Amino acid sequence: MNNNIEKRLRKLEYLNEVCVHSPSLLIDTKCGIARYKFNKIGYRDNKLLIEFKLLTDSNNNDVTTILHNIGNKCYLTVDQFLYALKFYASA
């Protein structure tokens, strides 16, 4: 296997492990704040993205607004995810 492809696959494997074992993230969207859980890693327009699904919480009034305006998924770049994870770990 091509050495470059092998390196990329290893990085994806490590990133997937971090996502699977990380806690859900509290994400501040343009429609409010809600908790999201990792769903999967994929590509869009040749960019690596991490997909999160909205966790429904009846105690959070923003969830209804977020569902209506944005939907139940949130996509983060690797840099955005690592920043959010660092912020979460520091809190």
C-alpha atoms as a PDB file:
ATOM      1  CA  MET A   1       0.000   0.000   0.000  1.00  0.00           C
ATOM      2  CA  ASN A   2       1.159   3.515  -0.767  1.00  0.00           C
ATOM      3  CA  ASN A   3       2.996   4.985   2.238  1.00  0.00           C
ATOM      4  CA  ASN A   4       1.029   8.262   2.040  1.00  0.00           C
ATOM      5  CA  ILE A   5      -2.328   6.452   2.037  1.00  0.00           C
ATOM      6  CA  GLU A   6      -1.187   4.316   4.947  1.00  0.00           C
ATOM      7  CA  LYS A   7      -0.326   7.427   6.993  1.00  0.00           C
ATOM      8  CA  ARG A   8      -3.698   9.017   6.220  1.00  0.00           C
ATOM      9  CA  LEU A   9      -5.552   5.867   7.253  1.00  0.00           C
ATOM     10  CA  ARG A  10      -3.626   5.683  10.532  1.00  0.00           C
ATOM     11  CA  LYS A  11      -4.485   9.320  11.291  1.00  0.00           C
ATOM     12  CA  LEU A  12      -8.152   8.616  10.550  1.00  0.00           C
ATOM     13  CA  GLU A  13      -8.038   5.587  12.838  1.00  0.00           C
ATOM     14  CA  TYR A  14      -6.593   7.689  15.681  1.00  0.00           C
ATOM     15  CA  LEU A  15      -9.116  10.462  15.103  1.00  0.00           C
ATOM     16  CA  ASN A  16     -11.954   7.942  15.099  1.00  0.00           C
ATOM     17  CA  GLU A  17     -10.744   6.565  18.456  1.00  0.00           C
ATOM     18  CA  VAL A  18     -10.690  10.061  19.966  1.00  0.00           C
ATOM     19  CA  CYS A  19     -14.220  10.708  18.675  1.00  0.00           C
ATOM     20  CA  VAL A  20     -15.603   7.392  19.916  1.00  0.00           C
ATOM     21  CA  HIS A  21     -14.118   7.760  23.383  1.00  0.00           C
ATOM     22  CA  SER A  22     -14.746  11.469  23.801  1.00  0.00           C
ATOM     23  CA  PRO A  23     -17.754  12.732  25.691  1.00  0.00           C
ATOM     24  CA  SER A  24     -20.609  14.408  23.925  1.00  0.00           C
ATOM     25  CA  LEU A  25     -19.935  18.052  23.165  1.00  0.00           C
ATOM     26  CA  LEU A  26     -21.897  21.117  24.114  1.00  0.00           C
ATOM     27  CA  ILE A  27     -21.957  23.184  20.922  1.00  0.00           C
ATOM     28  CA  ASP A  28     -23.031  26.815  20.630  1.00  0.00           C
ATOM     29  CA  THR A  29     -24.880  27.156  17.315  1.00  0.00           C
ATOM     30  CA  LYS A  30     -26.459  30.242  15.762  1.00  0.00           C
ATOM     31  CA  CYS A  31     -29.810  29.007  17.161  1.00  0.00           C
ATOM     32  CA  GLY A  32     -28.728  28.138  20.685  1.00  0.00           C
ATOM     33  CA  ILE A  33     -26.640  25.757  22.748  1.00  0.00           C
ATOM     34  CA  ALA A  34     -27.173  21.997  22.734  1.00  0.00           C
ATOM     35  CA  ARG A  35     -25.388  18.735  23.373  1.00  0.00           C
ATOM     36  CA  TYR A  36     -24.210  16.688  20.393  1.00  0.00           C
ATOM     37  CA  LYS A  37     -22.837  13.127  20.189  1.00  0.00           C
ATOM     38  CA  PHE A  38     -20.266  11.835  17.679  1.00  0.00           C
ATOM     39  CA  ASN A  39     -21.850   9.947  14.786  1.00  0.00           C
ATOM     40  CA  LYS A  40     -19.240   9.383  12.064  1.00  0.00           C
ATOM     41  CA  ILE A  41     -16.272  10.700  10.107  1.00  0.00           C
ATOM     42  CA  GLY A  42     -16.551  11.415   6.408  1.00  0.00           C
ATOM     43  CA  TYR A  43     -15.561  13.624   3.513  1.00  0.00           C
ATOM     44  CA  ARG A  44     -17.435  16.444   1.790  1.00  0.00           C
ATOM     45  CA  ASP A  45     -15.872  18.357  -1.088  1.00  0.00           C
ATOM     46  CA  ASN A  46     -12.552  16.624  -0.336  1.00  0.00           C
ATOM     47  CA  LYS A  47     -12.606  17.941   3.258  1.00  0.00           C
ATOM     48  CA  LEU A  48     -12.546  15.680   6.279  1.00  0.00           C
ATOM     49  CA  LEU A  49     -15.590  16.365   8.474  1.00  0.00           C
ATOM     50  CA  ILE A  50     -16.860  14.911  11.724  1.00  0.00           C
ATOM     51  CA  GLU A  51     -20.613  14.456  11.991  1.00  0.00           C
ATOM     52  CA  PHE A  52     -22.402  14.914  15.301  1.00  0.00           C
ATOM     53  CA  LYS A  53     -26.058  14.234  16.079  1.00  0.00           C
ATOM     54  CA  LEU A  54     -28.161  16.456  18.269  1.00  0.00           C
ATOM     55  CA  LEU A  55     -29.139  14.887  21.584  1.00  0.00           C
ATOM     56  CA  THR A  56     -32.721  15.710  22.408  1.00  0.00           C
ATOM     57  CA  ASP A  57     -33.099  17.086  25.888  1.00  0.00           C
ATOM     58  CA  SER A  58     -36.510  18.176  27.107  1.00  0.00           C
ATOM     59  CA  ASN A  59     -34.871  20.499  29.644  1.00  0.00           C
ATOM     60  CA  ASN A  60     -33.134  22.510  26.899  1.00  0.00           C
ATOM     61  CA  ASN A  61     -35.443  24.998  25.160  1.00  0.00           C
ATOM     62  CA  ASP A  62     -32.882  25.583  22.380  1.00  0.00           C
ATOM     63  CA  VAL A  63     -33.232  22.009  21.048  1.00  0.00           C
ATOM     64  CA  THR A  64     -36.603  22.719  19.393  1.00  0.00           C
ATOM     65  CA  THR A  65     -35.266  25.883  17.748  1.00  0.00           C
ATOM     66  CA  ILE A  66     -32.116  24.111  16.586  1.00  0.00           C
ATOM     67  CA  LEU A  67     -34.093  21.186  15.143  1.00  0.00           C
ATOM     68  CA  HIS A  68     -36.417  23.531  13.270  1.00  0.00           C
ATOM     69  CA  ASN A  69     -33.729  25.869  11.861  1.00  0.00           C
ATOM     70  CA  ILE A  70     -30.613  23.724  11.503  1.00  0.00           C
ATOM     71  CA  GLY A  71     -31.645  20.086  11.784  1.00  0.00           C
ATOM     72  CA  ASN A  72     -30.339  17.268  13.932  1.00  0.00           C
ATOM     73  CA  LYS A  73     -26.767  17.135  12.585  1.00  0.00           C
ATOM     74  CA  CYS A  74     -23.719  19.310  13.042  1.00  0.00           C
ATOM     75  CA  TYR A  75     -20.525  19.030  11.002  1.00  0.00           C
ATOM     76  CA  LEU A  76     -17.147  20.091  12.376  1.00  0.00           C
ATOM     77  CA  THR A  77     -13.738  20.203  10.766  1.00  0.00           C
ATOM     78  CA  VAL A  78     -10.954  18.411  12.598  1.00  0.00           C
ATOM     79  CA  ASP A  79      -9.600  21.744  13.855  1.00  0.00           C
ATOM     80  CA  GLN A  80     -13.026  22.809  15.143  1.00  0.00           C
ATOM     81  CA  PHE A  81     -13.485  19.463  16.897  1.00  0.00           C
ATOM     82  CA  LEU A  82     -10.061  19.563  18.548  1.00  0.00           C
ATOM     83  CA  TYR A  83     -10.675  23.139  19.691  1.00  0.00           C
ATOM     84  CA  ALA A  84     -14.060  22.194  21.165  1.00  0.00           C
ATOM     85  CA  LEU A  85     -12.536  19.137  22.831  1.00  0.00           C
ATOM     86  CA  LYS A  86      -9.713  21.227  24.302  1.00  0.00           C
ATOM     87  CA  PHE A  87     -12.248  23.771  25.596  1.00  0.00           C
ATOM     88  CA  TYR A  88     -14.338  20.953  27.094  1.00  0.00           C
ATOM     89  CA  ALA A  89     -11.294  19.366  28.740  1.00  0.00           C
ATOM     90  CA  SER A  90     -10.251  22.730  30.233  1.00  0.00           C
ATOM     91  CA  ALA A  91     -13.667  23.446  31.745  1.00  0.00           C
END
